N, C-alpha and C. Protein backbone atom coordinates (compact mmCIF):
# COMPACT_ATOMS: atom_id res chain seq x y z
N MET A 1 92.42 -99.96 -139.47
CA MET A 1 93.57 -100.47 -138.79
C MET A 1 93.65 -100.09 -137.21
N GLN A 2 93.07 -98.84 -136.85
CA GLN A 2 93.09 -98.46 -135.69
C GLN A 2 92.02 -99.15 -134.85
N GLU A 3 90.93 -99.55 -135.53
CA GLU A 3 89.81 -100.19 -134.89
C GLU A 3 90.45 -101.57 -134.35
N LYS A 4 91.34 -102.32 -134.94
CA LYS A 4 91.74 -103.46 -134.54
C LYS A 4 92.44 -103.33 -133.45
N LEU A 5 93.16 -102.28 -133.15
CA LEU A 5 93.92 -102.00 -131.83
C LEU A 5 92.90 -101.92 -130.93
N ARG A 6 92.01 -101.02 -131.06
CA ARG A 6 90.87 -100.55 -130.00
C ARG A 6 90.12 -101.91 -129.70
N SER A 7 89.63 -102.73 -130.54
CA SER A 7 88.90 -103.81 -130.09
C SER A 7 89.79 -104.85 -129.25
N HIS A 8 91.13 -105.03 -129.76
CA HIS A 8 92.02 -105.73 -129.01
C HIS A 8 92.23 -105.53 -127.45
N ILE A 9 92.31 -104.08 -127.22
CA ILE A 9 92.50 -103.55 -125.92
C ILE A 9 91.10 -103.70 -125.13
N GLU A 10 89.92 -103.43 -125.98
CA GLU A 10 88.83 -103.51 -125.23
C GLU A 10 88.17 -104.88 -125.00
N GLU A 11 89.06 -105.87 -125.36
CA GLU A 11 88.73 -107.28 -124.85
C GLU A 11 89.23 -107.49 -123.39
N ILE A 12 89.89 -106.59 -122.85
CA ILE A 12 90.29 -106.53 -121.50
C ILE A 12 89.74 -105.35 -120.83
N VAL A 13 89.92 -104.09 -121.37
CA VAL A 13 89.46 -102.82 -120.56
C VAL A 13 88.69 -102.26 -121.38
N PRO A 14 87.51 -101.52 -121.00
CA PRO A 14 86.70 -100.65 -121.67
C PRO A 14 87.30 -99.32 -122.01
N LEU A 15 86.99 -98.69 -123.07
CA LEU A 15 87.71 -97.43 -123.39
C LEU A 15 86.65 -96.38 -123.85
N THR A 16 86.57 -95.30 -123.59
CA THR A 16 85.77 -94.19 -124.17
C THR A 16 86.70 -93.54 -125.42
N ASP A 17 85.95 -92.93 -126.32
CA ASP A 17 86.53 -92.45 -127.56
C ASP A 17 87.84 -91.54 -127.13
N ASP A 18 87.83 -90.74 -126.09
CA ASP A 18 89.01 -89.92 -125.75
C ASP A 18 90.02 -90.67 -125.29
N GLU A 19 89.56 -91.91 -124.42
CA GLU A 19 90.78 -92.71 -123.88
C GLU A 19 91.57 -93.30 -125.16
N PHE A 20 90.91 -93.63 -126.17
CA PHE A 20 91.43 -94.59 -127.13
C PHE A 20 92.17 -93.47 -127.96
N LEU A 21 91.74 -92.37 -128.14
CA LEU A 21 92.51 -91.27 -128.77
C LEU A 21 94.04 -90.85 -128.18
N PHE A 22 93.68 -90.90 -126.85
CA PHE A 22 95.06 -90.74 -126.10
C PHE A 22 95.99 -91.87 -126.14
N ILE A 23 95.34 -93.12 -126.21
CA ILE A 23 96.26 -94.25 -126.36
C ILE A 23 96.89 -94.21 -127.69
N LEU A 24 96.04 -94.01 -128.78
CA LEU A 24 96.51 -93.99 -130.10
C LEU A 24 97.81 -93.07 -130.20
N SER A 25 97.66 -91.83 -129.74
CA SER A 25 98.73 -90.91 -129.97
C SER A 25 100.06 -91.34 -129.40
N HIS A 26 100.14 -92.53 -128.78
CA HIS A 26 101.43 -92.98 -128.09
C HIS A 26 101.98 -94.06 -128.94
N PHE A 27 101.33 -94.38 -130.06
CA PHE A 27 101.60 -95.40 -131.12
C PHE A 27 102.04 -94.79 -132.45
N SER A 28 103.01 -95.60 -133.05
CA SER A 28 103.30 -95.19 -134.52
C SER A 28 102.69 -96.45 -135.22
N GLU A 29 102.31 -96.10 -136.35
CA GLU A 29 101.83 -97.07 -137.40
C GLU A 29 103.05 -97.21 -138.43
N GLU A 30 103.40 -98.59 -138.65
CA GLU A 30 104.62 -98.59 -139.48
C GLU A 30 104.15 -99.92 -140.25
N ASP A 31 104.82 -99.85 -141.50
CA ASP A 31 104.56 -100.96 -142.44
C ASP A 31 106.09 -101.65 -142.88
N TYR A 32 106.03 -102.92 -142.84
CA TYR A 32 107.34 -103.52 -143.14
C TYR A 32 107.03 -104.56 -144.46
N LYS A 33 108.16 -104.88 -145.17
CA LYS A 33 108.05 -105.92 -146.26
C LYS A 33 108.71 -107.22 -145.88
N LYS A 34 108.14 -108.23 -146.41
CA LYS A 34 108.56 -109.60 -146.25
C LYS A 34 110.34 -109.67 -146.12
N ASN A 35 110.61 -110.20 -145.04
CA ASN A 35 112.21 -110.37 -144.86
C ASN A 35 112.81 -109.13 -144.08
N ASP A 36 112.03 -108.01 -143.81
CA ASP A 36 112.67 -106.79 -143.11
C ASP A 36 112.74 -107.20 -141.72
N PHE A 37 113.66 -106.73 -141.02
CA PHE A 37 113.86 -106.81 -139.57
C PHE A 37 113.12 -105.56 -138.93
N LEU A 38 112.55 -105.93 -137.77
CA LEU A 38 112.11 -104.83 -136.95
C LEU A 38 113.17 -104.72 -135.81
N ILE A 39 113.74 -105.82 -135.44
CA ILE A 39 114.84 -105.83 -134.51
C ILE A 39 116.04 -106.67 -135.00
N GLN A 40 117.23 -106.34 -134.81
CA GLN A 40 118.32 -107.16 -135.29
C GLN A 40 119.25 -107.46 -133.80
N GLN A 41 119.92 -108.80 -133.71
CA GLN A 41 120.53 -109.12 -132.70
C GLN A 41 121.69 -108.05 -132.42
N GLY A 42 121.91 -107.70 -131.25
CA GLY A 42 123.09 -106.60 -130.96
C GLY A 42 122.60 -105.23 -131.04
N GLU A 43 121.49 -104.87 -131.50
CA GLU A 43 120.95 -103.36 -131.55
C GLU A 43 119.97 -103.23 -130.47
N SER A 44 119.96 -101.93 -130.08
CA SER A 44 119.15 -101.54 -129.13
C SER A 44 117.80 -101.72 -129.37
N VAL A 45 116.83 -102.07 -128.29
CA VAL A 45 115.57 -102.37 -128.65
C VAL A 45 114.78 -101.27 -128.03
N THR A 46 114.15 -100.52 -128.83
CA THR A 46 113.45 -99.37 -128.45
C THR A 46 111.84 -99.29 -128.56
N HIS A 47 111.41 -100.43 -129.14
CA HIS A 47 109.87 -100.51 -129.34
C HIS A 47 109.39 -102.09 -129.05
N CYS A 48 108.25 -102.16 -128.68
CA CYS A 48 107.35 -103.31 -128.74
C CYS A 48 106.38 -103.11 -129.79
N TYR A 49 105.83 -104.22 -130.29
CA TYR A 49 104.95 -104.14 -131.58
C TYR A 49 103.65 -104.95 -131.41
N PHE A 50 102.44 -104.37 -131.87
CA PHE A 50 101.37 -104.96 -131.96
C PHE A 50 101.07 -105.22 -133.40
N VAL A 51 100.78 -106.60 -133.67
CA VAL A 51 100.76 -106.95 -135.09
C VAL A 51 99.37 -106.68 -135.61
N ASN A 52 99.38 -105.75 -136.73
CA ASN A 52 97.85 -105.51 -137.07
C ASN A 52 97.59 -106.46 -138.22
N SER A 53 98.54 -106.63 -139.13
CA SER A 53 98.39 -107.84 -140.18
C SER A 53 99.78 -108.09 -140.51
N GLY A 54 99.86 -109.53 -141.05
CA GLY A 54 101.06 -109.95 -141.25
C GLY A 54 101.59 -111.05 -140.37
N LEU A 55 102.73 -111.31 -140.52
CA LEU A 55 103.36 -112.39 -139.64
C LEU A 55 104.89 -112.16 -139.39
N LEU A 56 105.38 -112.36 -138.27
CA LEU A 56 106.70 -112.07 -137.59
C LEU A 56 107.25 -113.44 -137.10
N LYS A 57 108.52 -113.54 -137.06
CA LYS A 57 109.29 -114.68 -136.36
C LYS A 57 110.32 -113.88 -135.38
N LEU A 58 110.42 -114.49 -134.21
CA LEU A 58 111.15 -114.05 -133.19
C LEU A 58 112.43 -115.04 -133.13
N VAL A 59 113.67 -114.75 -133.46
CA VAL A 59 114.67 -115.80 -133.70
C VAL A 59 115.89 -115.58 -132.80
N TYR A 60 116.55 -116.60 -132.47
CA TYR A 60 117.91 -116.52 -131.96
C TYR A 60 118.90 -117.12 -132.81
N ASP A 61 119.96 -116.59 -133.33
CA ASP A 61 121.12 -117.11 -134.07
C ASP A 61 122.18 -117.48 -133.08
N ASP A 62 122.50 -118.77 -133.13
CA ASP A 62 123.53 -119.24 -132.12
C ASP A 62 124.95 -118.97 -132.81
N ASP A 63 125.99 -119.22 -131.82
CA ASP A 63 127.46 -118.90 -132.49
C ASP A 63 127.57 -119.87 -133.61
N ASP A 64 127.16 -121.02 -133.85
CA ASP A 64 127.18 -121.86 -135.05
C ASP A 64 126.55 -121.46 -136.17
N GLY A 65 125.75 -120.28 -135.90
CA GLY A 65 124.94 -119.89 -137.14
C GLY A 65 123.68 -120.55 -137.34
N LYS A 66 123.25 -121.35 -136.35
CA LYS A 66 121.78 -122.16 -136.46
C LYS A 66 120.77 -121.21 -135.97
N GLN A 67 119.60 -120.92 -136.68
CA GLN A 67 118.54 -120.24 -136.35
C GLN A 67 117.64 -120.98 -135.60
N HIS A 68 117.15 -120.37 -134.26
CA HIS A 68 116.07 -121.12 -133.50
C HIS A 68 115.03 -120.18 -133.32
N ILE A 69 113.75 -120.69 -133.71
CA ILE A 69 112.64 -119.81 -133.73
C ILE A 69 112.09 -119.94 -132.44
N VAL A 70 112.02 -118.66 -131.72
CA VAL A 70 111.48 -118.55 -130.33
C VAL A 70 109.87 -118.55 -130.40
N SER A 71 109.63 -117.75 -131.34
CA SER A 71 108.02 -117.63 -131.32
C SER A 71 107.70 -117.01 -132.86
N PHE A 72 106.39 -117.05 -133.12
CA PHE A 72 105.63 -116.59 -134.33
C PHE A 72 104.75 -115.48 -133.72
N ALA A 73 104.59 -114.32 -134.32
CA ALA A 73 103.63 -113.44 -134.03
C ALA A 73 102.77 -113.02 -135.15
N MET A 74 101.34 -113.24 -134.89
CA MET A 74 100.43 -112.96 -136.18
C MET A 74 99.42 -111.90 -135.62
N GLU A 75 98.50 -111.57 -136.37
CA GLU A 75 97.54 -110.59 -135.95
C GLU A 75 97.04 -110.64 -134.57
N ASN A 76 97.05 -109.59 -134.03
CA ASN A 76 96.55 -109.21 -132.66
C ASN A 76 97.46 -109.91 -131.54
N TRP A 77 98.65 -110.14 -131.88
CA TRP A 77 99.83 -110.46 -130.98
C TRP A 77 100.74 -109.27 -130.77
N TRP A 78 101.43 -109.35 -129.74
CA TRP A 78 102.46 -108.38 -129.30
C TRP A 78 103.77 -109.09 -129.27
N GLU A 79 104.81 -108.50 -129.82
CA GLU A 79 106.08 -109.03 -129.91
C GLU A 79 107.29 -108.07 -129.73
N SER A 80 108.37 -108.47 -129.33
CA SER A 80 109.61 -107.69 -129.13
C SER A 80 110.57 -108.66 -128.47
N ASP A 81 111.81 -108.21 -128.33
CA ASP A 81 112.77 -108.86 -127.50
C ASP A 81 112.65 -108.13 -126.11
N PHE A 82 111.76 -108.69 -125.40
CA PHE A 82 111.15 -107.94 -124.18
C PHE A 82 112.18 -107.80 -123.20
N ALA A 83 113.06 -108.71 -123.02
CA ALA A 83 114.12 -108.66 -122.14
C ALA A 83 114.98 -107.38 -122.39
N ALA A 84 115.29 -107.30 -123.62
CA ALA A 84 116.15 -106.04 -124.12
C ALA A 84 115.23 -104.71 -123.96
N TYR A 85 114.14 -104.86 -124.30
CA TYR A 85 113.10 -103.64 -124.36
C TYR A 85 113.01 -103.05 -123.00
N PHE A 86 112.59 -104.09 -121.94
CA PHE A 86 112.32 -103.56 -120.71
C PHE A 86 113.65 -103.10 -119.97
N THR A 87 114.71 -103.70 -120.11
CA THR A 87 116.20 -103.38 -119.56
C THR A 87 117.00 -102.30 -120.31
N GLN A 88 116.48 -102.10 -121.50
CA GLN A 88 117.10 -101.15 -122.50
C GLN A 88 118.57 -101.56 -122.71
N THR A 89 118.73 -102.94 -123.07
CA THR A 89 120.04 -103.44 -123.54
C THR A 89 120.06 -104.01 -125.07
N LYS A 90 120.97 -104.55 -125.30
CA LYS A 90 121.19 -104.93 -126.72
C LYS A 90 120.42 -106.17 -126.96
N ALA A 91 119.80 -106.41 -128.08
CA ALA A 91 118.93 -107.42 -128.33
C ALA A 91 119.76 -108.79 -128.58
N LYS A 92 119.29 -109.85 -127.91
CA LYS A 92 119.61 -111.03 -128.17
C LYS A 92 119.03 -111.92 -129.20
N LEU A 93 117.81 -111.39 -129.42
CA LEU A 93 116.95 -111.92 -130.47
C LEU A 93 116.78 -111.01 -131.62
N ALA A 94 116.26 -111.50 -132.69
CA ALA A 94 116.04 -110.63 -133.79
C ALA A 94 114.45 -110.84 -134.36
N LEU A 95 113.81 -109.86 -134.71
CA LEU A 95 112.38 -110.02 -135.12
C LEU A 95 112.38 -109.56 -136.59
N GLN A 96 111.76 -110.57 -137.37
CA GLN A 96 111.85 -110.48 -138.85
C GLN A 96 110.33 -110.84 -139.33
N CYS A 97 110.09 -110.14 -140.41
CA CYS A 97 108.85 -110.36 -141.12
C CYS A 97 108.93 -111.57 -142.08
N ILE A 98 107.97 -112.52 -141.71
CA ILE A 98 107.69 -113.52 -142.91
C ILE A 98 106.86 -113.30 -143.91
N GLU A 99 106.15 -112.20 -143.68
CA GLU A 99 105.00 -111.73 -144.66
C GLU A 99 105.27 -110.27 -144.51
N ASP A 100 104.55 -109.59 -145.65
CA ASP A 100 104.42 -108.09 -145.54
C ASP A 100 103.63 -107.77 -144.16
N THR A 101 104.07 -106.81 -143.35
CA THR A 101 103.55 -106.77 -142.05
C THR A 101 103.17 -105.38 -141.61
N SER A 102 102.10 -105.08 -141.10
CA SER A 102 101.69 -103.76 -140.48
C SER A 102 101.79 -103.87 -139.09
N VAL A 103 102.26 -102.98 -138.25
CA VAL A 103 102.30 -102.96 -136.78
C VAL A 103 102.03 -101.65 -136.15
N PHE A 104 101.62 -101.69 -134.94
CA PHE A 104 101.48 -100.40 -134.07
C PHE A 104 102.82 -100.62 -133.23
N SER A 105 103.54 -99.47 -133.20
CA SER A 105 104.90 -99.54 -132.58
C SER A 105 104.87 -98.73 -131.17
N LEU A 106 105.47 -99.16 -130.08
CA LEU A 106 105.26 -98.54 -128.89
C LEU A 106 106.55 -98.49 -128.19
N SER A 107 107.11 -97.18 -128.00
CA SER A 107 108.37 -97.06 -127.35
C SER A 107 108.13 -97.39 -125.88
N LEU A 108 109.33 -97.59 -125.10
CA LEU A 108 109.17 -97.85 -123.71
C LEU A 108 108.71 -96.64 -123.01
N LYS A 109 109.28 -95.49 -123.30
CA LYS A 109 108.66 -94.11 -122.81
C LYS A 109 107.30 -94.04 -122.68
N ASN A 110 106.60 -94.26 -123.91
CA ASN A 110 105.18 -94.39 -124.18
C ASN A 110 104.43 -95.29 -123.45
N TYR A 111 104.97 -96.43 -123.41
CA TYR A 111 104.40 -97.59 -122.48
C TYR A 111 104.48 -97.07 -121.22
N GLU A 112 105.49 -96.54 -120.55
CA GLU A 112 105.49 -96.19 -119.23
C GLU A 112 104.33 -95.10 -119.06
N LYS A 113 104.45 -94.06 -119.96
CA LYS A 113 103.43 -93.01 -119.85
C LYS A 113 102.14 -93.60 -119.80
N LEU A 114 101.60 -94.30 -120.76
CA LEU A 114 100.47 -94.89 -120.74
C LEU A 114 99.98 -95.71 -119.42
N SER A 115 100.90 -96.39 -119.08
CA SER A 115 100.56 -97.26 -117.71
C SER A 115 100.49 -96.19 -116.51
N THR A 116 101.07 -95.18 -116.68
CA THR A 116 101.02 -94.22 -115.44
C THR A 116 99.79 -93.38 -115.60
N GLN A 117 99.57 -92.95 -116.76
CA GLN A 117 98.51 -91.78 -116.81
C GLN A 117 97.22 -92.50 -117.19
N LEU A 118 97.08 -93.67 -117.51
CA LEU A 118 95.83 -94.18 -117.72
C LEU A 118 95.96 -95.74 -117.09
N PRO A 119 95.50 -95.83 -115.80
CA PRO A 119 95.69 -96.94 -115.17
C PRO A 119 95.01 -98.37 -115.68
N LYS A 120 93.98 -98.07 -116.54
CA LYS A 120 93.44 -99.29 -117.20
C LYS A 120 94.49 -99.93 -118.28
N MET A 121 95.48 -99.18 -118.88
CA MET A 121 96.28 -99.66 -119.59
C MET A 121 97.48 -100.44 -118.83
N GLN A 122 97.61 -100.12 -117.65
CA GLN A 122 98.48 -100.92 -116.74
C GLN A 122 97.94 -102.32 -116.55
N ARG A 123 96.64 -102.36 -116.30
CA ARG A 123 95.90 -103.54 -116.28
C ARG A 123 96.02 -104.30 -117.37
N PHE A 124 95.67 -103.65 -118.52
CA PHE A 124 95.71 -104.33 -119.99
C PHE A 124 97.14 -104.79 -120.16
N PHE A 125 98.27 -104.21 -119.94
CA PHE A 125 99.72 -104.54 -120.26
C PHE A 125 99.97 -105.72 -119.26
N LEU A 126 99.46 -105.67 -118.01
CA LEU A 126 99.64 -106.72 -117.16
C LEU A 126 99.01 -108.03 -117.60
N LYS A 127 97.98 -108.02 -117.93
CA LYS A 127 97.06 -109.18 -118.49
C LYS A 127 97.88 -109.87 -119.69
N LYS A 128 98.34 -108.87 -120.61
CA LYS A 128 99.02 -109.26 -121.69
C LYS A 128 100.38 -110.07 -121.40
N SER A 129 101.11 -109.27 -120.53
CA SER A 129 102.42 -109.88 -120.12
C SER A 129 102.19 -111.23 -119.39
N ASN A 130 101.19 -111.36 -118.49
CA ASN A 130 100.80 -112.61 -117.84
C ASN A 130 100.58 -113.80 -118.92
N SER A 131 99.65 -113.44 -119.77
CA SER A 131 99.43 -114.40 -120.91
C SER A 131 100.76 -114.75 -121.64
N GLY A 132 101.36 -113.91 -121.89
CA GLY A 132 102.71 -114.33 -122.68
C GLY A 132 103.72 -115.05 -121.87
N HIS A 133 103.70 -114.91 -120.43
CA HIS A 133 104.59 -115.66 -119.54
C HIS A 133 104.08 -117.05 -119.45
N ILE A 134 102.69 -117.19 -119.37
CA ILE A 134 102.13 -118.69 -119.47
C ILE A 134 102.37 -119.29 -120.61
N ALA A 135 102.25 -118.73 -121.85
CA ALA A 135 102.42 -119.42 -122.92
C ALA A 135 104.14 -119.80 -123.07
N SER A 136 104.87 -119.02 -122.67
CA SER A 136 106.35 -119.32 -122.72
C SER A 136 106.53 -120.61 -121.81
N GLN A 137 105.84 -120.52 -120.63
CA GLN A 137 106.06 -121.59 -119.71
C GLN A 137 105.57 -122.86 -120.21
N ASN A 138 104.29 -122.68 -120.95
CA ASN A 138 103.82 -123.92 -121.54
C ASN A 138 104.65 -124.44 -122.77
N ARG A 139 105.19 -123.65 -123.52
CA ARG A 139 105.96 -123.90 -124.55
C ARG A 139 107.38 -124.77 -123.94
N ILE A 140 107.89 -124.32 -122.96
CA ILE A 140 109.08 -124.89 -122.32
C ILE A 140 108.69 -126.29 -121.82
N LEU A 141 107.46 -126.34 -121.04
CA LEU A 141 107.09 -127.72 -120.58
C LEU A 141 106.80 -128.59 -121.64
N SER A 142 106.25 -128.23 -122.85
CA SER A 142 106.02 -128.97 -124.03
C SER A 142 107.26 -129.58 -124.48
N PHE A 143 108.45 -128.83 -124.36
CA PHE A 143 109.64 -129.37 -125.09
C PHE A 143 110.20 -130.29 -123.92
N LEU A 144 110.03 -130.01 -122.71
CA LEU A 144 110.29 -131.06 -121.59
C LEU A 144 109.56 -132.43 -121.50
N THR A 145 108.45 -132.18 -121.85
CA THR A 145 107.50 -133.41 -121.62
C THR A 145 106.83 -133.98 -122.89
N SER A 146 106.85 -133.55 -123.92
CA SER A 146 106.16 -133.95 -125.04
C SER A 146 107.11 -134.40 -126.22
N SER A 147 106.67 -135.51 -126.95
CA SER A 147 107.49 -135.86 -128.06
C SER A 147 107.21 -134.92 -129.28
N ALA A 148 108.14 -135.02 -130.20
CA ALA A 148 107.97 -134.13 -131.31
C ALA A 148 106.66 -134.42 -132.05
N LYS A 149 106.05 -135.47 -131.96
CA LYS A 149 104.82 -135.76 -132.69
C LYS A 149 103.70 -135.05 -131.88
N GLU A 150 103.89 -135.02 -130.51
CA GLU A 150 102.68 -134.36 -129.74
C GLU A 150 102.93 -132.76 -129.79
N ARG A 151 104.18 -132.22 -129.88
CA ARG A 151 104.45 -130.83 -130.18
C ARG A 151 103.80 -130.45 -131.39
N TYR A 152 104.01 -131.21 -132.56
CA TYR A 152 103.49 -131.03 -133.84
C TYR A 152 101.90 -130.93 -133.64
N GLU A 153 101.22 -131.85 -133.01
CA GLU A 153 99.88 -131.92 -132.93
C GLU A 153 99.35 -130.68 -131.95
N GLN A 154 100.04 -130.36 -131.02
CA GLN A 154 99.61 -129.16 -130.26
C GLN A 154 99.75 -127.92 -131.05
N LEU A 155 100.68 -127.77 -131.80
CA LEU A 155 100.82 -126.61 -132.68
C LEU A 155 99.51 -126.50 -133.64
N LEU A 156 99.51 -127.57 -134.34
CA LEU A 156 98.34 -127.80 -135.31
C LEU A 156 96.99 -127.55 -134.65
N GLN A 157 96.69 -127.99 -133.53
CA GLN A 157 95.48 -127.76 -132.80
C GLN A 157 95.34 -126.25 -132.44
N GLN A 158 96.53 -125.60 -131.87
CA GLN A 158 96.32 -124.22 -131.34
C GLN A 158 96.43 -123.35 -132.48
N TYR A 159 97.22 -123.39 -133.59
CA TYR A 159 97.40 -122.34 -134.43
C TYR A 159 97.35 -122.99 -135.92
N PRO A 160 96.23 -123.59 -136.28
CA PRO A 160 96.30 -124.28 -137.58
C PRO A 160 96.69 -123.34 -138.70
N SER A 161 96.32 -122.05 -138.79
CA SER A 161 96.67 -121.11 -139.81
C SER A 161 98.07 -120.93 -140.06
N LEU A 162 99.00 -121.28 -139.03
CA LEU A 162 100.40 -121.13 -139.22
C LEU A 162 101.03 -122.21 -140.30
N PHE A 163 100.34 -123.21 -140.31
CA PHE A 163 100.82 -124.34 -141.38
C PHE A 163 100.34 -123.87 -142.78
N GLN A 164 99.65 -122.82 -143.11
CA GLN A 164 99.51 -122.24 -144.32
C GLN A 164 100.41 -121.19 -144.52
N ARG A 165 100.86 -120.49 -143.60
CA ARG A 165 101.68 -119.24 -143.67
C ARG A 165 103.03 -119.37 -143.37
N VAL A 166 103.40 -120.46 -142.87
CA VAL A 166 104.83 -120.42 -142.51
C VAL A 166 105.55 -121.71 -143.15
N PRO A 167 106.71 -121.28 -143.93
CA PRO A 167 107.40 -122.50 -144.31
C PRO A 167 107.99 -123.61 -143.50
N LYS A 168 107.91 -124.81 -143.92
CA LYS A 168 108.01 -126.09 -143.14
C LYS A 168 109.56 -125.99 -142.48
N THR A 169 110.36 -125.34 -143.07
CA THR A 169 111.76 -125.16 -142.36
C THR A 169 111.63 -124.38 -141.05
N LEU A 170 110.80 -123.42 -141.12
CA LEU A 170 110.65 -122.43 -139.92
C LEU A 170 109.81 -123.33 -138.85
N LEU A 171 108.76 -123.96 -139.35
CA LEU A 171 108.07 -124.88 -138.47
C LEU A 171 108.76 -125.81 -137.77
N ALA A 172 109.60 -126.35 -138.49
CA ALA A 172 110.51 -127.47 -138.01
C ALA A 172 111.48 -126.84 -136.91
N SER A 173 112.04 -125.58 -137.18
CA SER A 173 112.88 -125.01 -136.19
C SER A 173 112.09 -124.62 -134.91
N PHE A 174 111.08 -124.17 -135.09
CA PHE A 174 110.04 -123.89 -133.98
C PHE A 174 109.91 -125.15 -133.02
N LEU A 175 109.49 -126.25 -133.70
CA LEU A 175 109.25 -127.42 -133.02
C LEU A 175 110.48 -128.21 -132.33
N GLY A 176 111.73 -127.67 -133.07
CA GLY A 176 112.91 -128.46 -132.45
C GLY A 176 113.19 -129.61 -133.25
N VAL A 177 112.67 -129.75 -134.38
CA VAL A 177 112.97 -131.04 -135.22
C VAL A 177 113.54 -130.55 -136.54
N SER A 178 113.92 -131.75 -137.27
CA SER A 178 114.56 -131.46 -138.58
C SER A 178 113.40 -131.13 -139.70
N ARG A 179 113.75 -130.75 -140.84
CA ARG A 179 112.65 -130.49 -141.87
C ARG A 179 112.00 -132.01 -142.29
N GLU A 180 113.03 -132.93 -142.30
CA GLU A 180 112.66 -134.37 -142.62
C GLU A 180 111.62 -135.02 -141.62
N THR A 181 112.10 -134.61 -140.30
CA THR A 181 111.26 -135.13 -139.23
C THR A 181 109.71 -134.53 -139.32
N LEU A 182 109.82 -133.31 -139.63
CA LEU A 182 108.52 -132.61 -139.77
C LEU A 182 107.80 -133.13 -140.72
N SER A 183 108.12 -133.55 -141.96
CA SER A 183 107.52 -134.08 -143.20
C SER A 183 107.00 -135.40 -142.74
N ARG A 184 107.72 -136.17 -141.94
CA ARG A 184 107.11 -137.44 -141.39
C ARG A 184 105.96 -137.08 -140.41
N LEU A 185 106.12 -136.19 -139.34
CA LEU A 185 105.11 -135.99 -138.71
C LEU A 185 103.90 -135.59 -139.53
N SER A 186 103.93 -134.83 -140.49
CA SER A 186 102.77 -134.06 -140.91
C SER A 186 102.22 -135.20 -142.18
N SER A 187 102.86 -136.21 -142.23
CA SER A 187 102.12 -137.31 -143.19
C SER A 187 101.20 -138.33 -142.52
C-alpha cells in the first residue's frame, strides 16, 4: 500500500528512502466500507485523502434533496472538499465510498508541515492542485459547450473503468442527465 503512494509522488518528484519515510509519517492509513462517509455536509473538514484502493464520490445535496455528483475519485486520485479543507470551514460537499476503500489521510497541519519542511512536496502538491483545477475547468466547459451525448462519450473515453464500477444512476447524475437519458446514450 505504501509503495503505491511513493510511486504516485515519484511520478512528479524523486524521493530518497528517508524522505519517503518522513512523508509517510505525516499520513494515516484508513479503511472504509461501501457507503461510509469520509466527509459529511456541514461538518468540519480536517483531512484530504489519497485513494489507495476503492472508489469515492464527492456530492452536493441541494435544498430539494437532489444529489449532484461533483466528482469520482478512484485509485491514485486525491479528494476532499478542498474549499472547506483549506479554509477550515464547514463542508458544503460530502465524500462517500461507492466501494470498500483504503486511503491515506493527510491533515492540513501535516500538509503545511510537509510543504514547508520538504520543498519538493510543495512542488508535488502544486502540480496536483493545478491538474485538479484544469480538470474542473474542463468539466465546466464540457457542461457549457457539449451535448449530453458528447459528455457521455468523453467520460467513456477518459475513464472507461467507471462504467463497470459506478451505478448508472450515479453516472447519470455526474453527466447531468436522467437515468433514462443515460440508457439511451449508452445503447
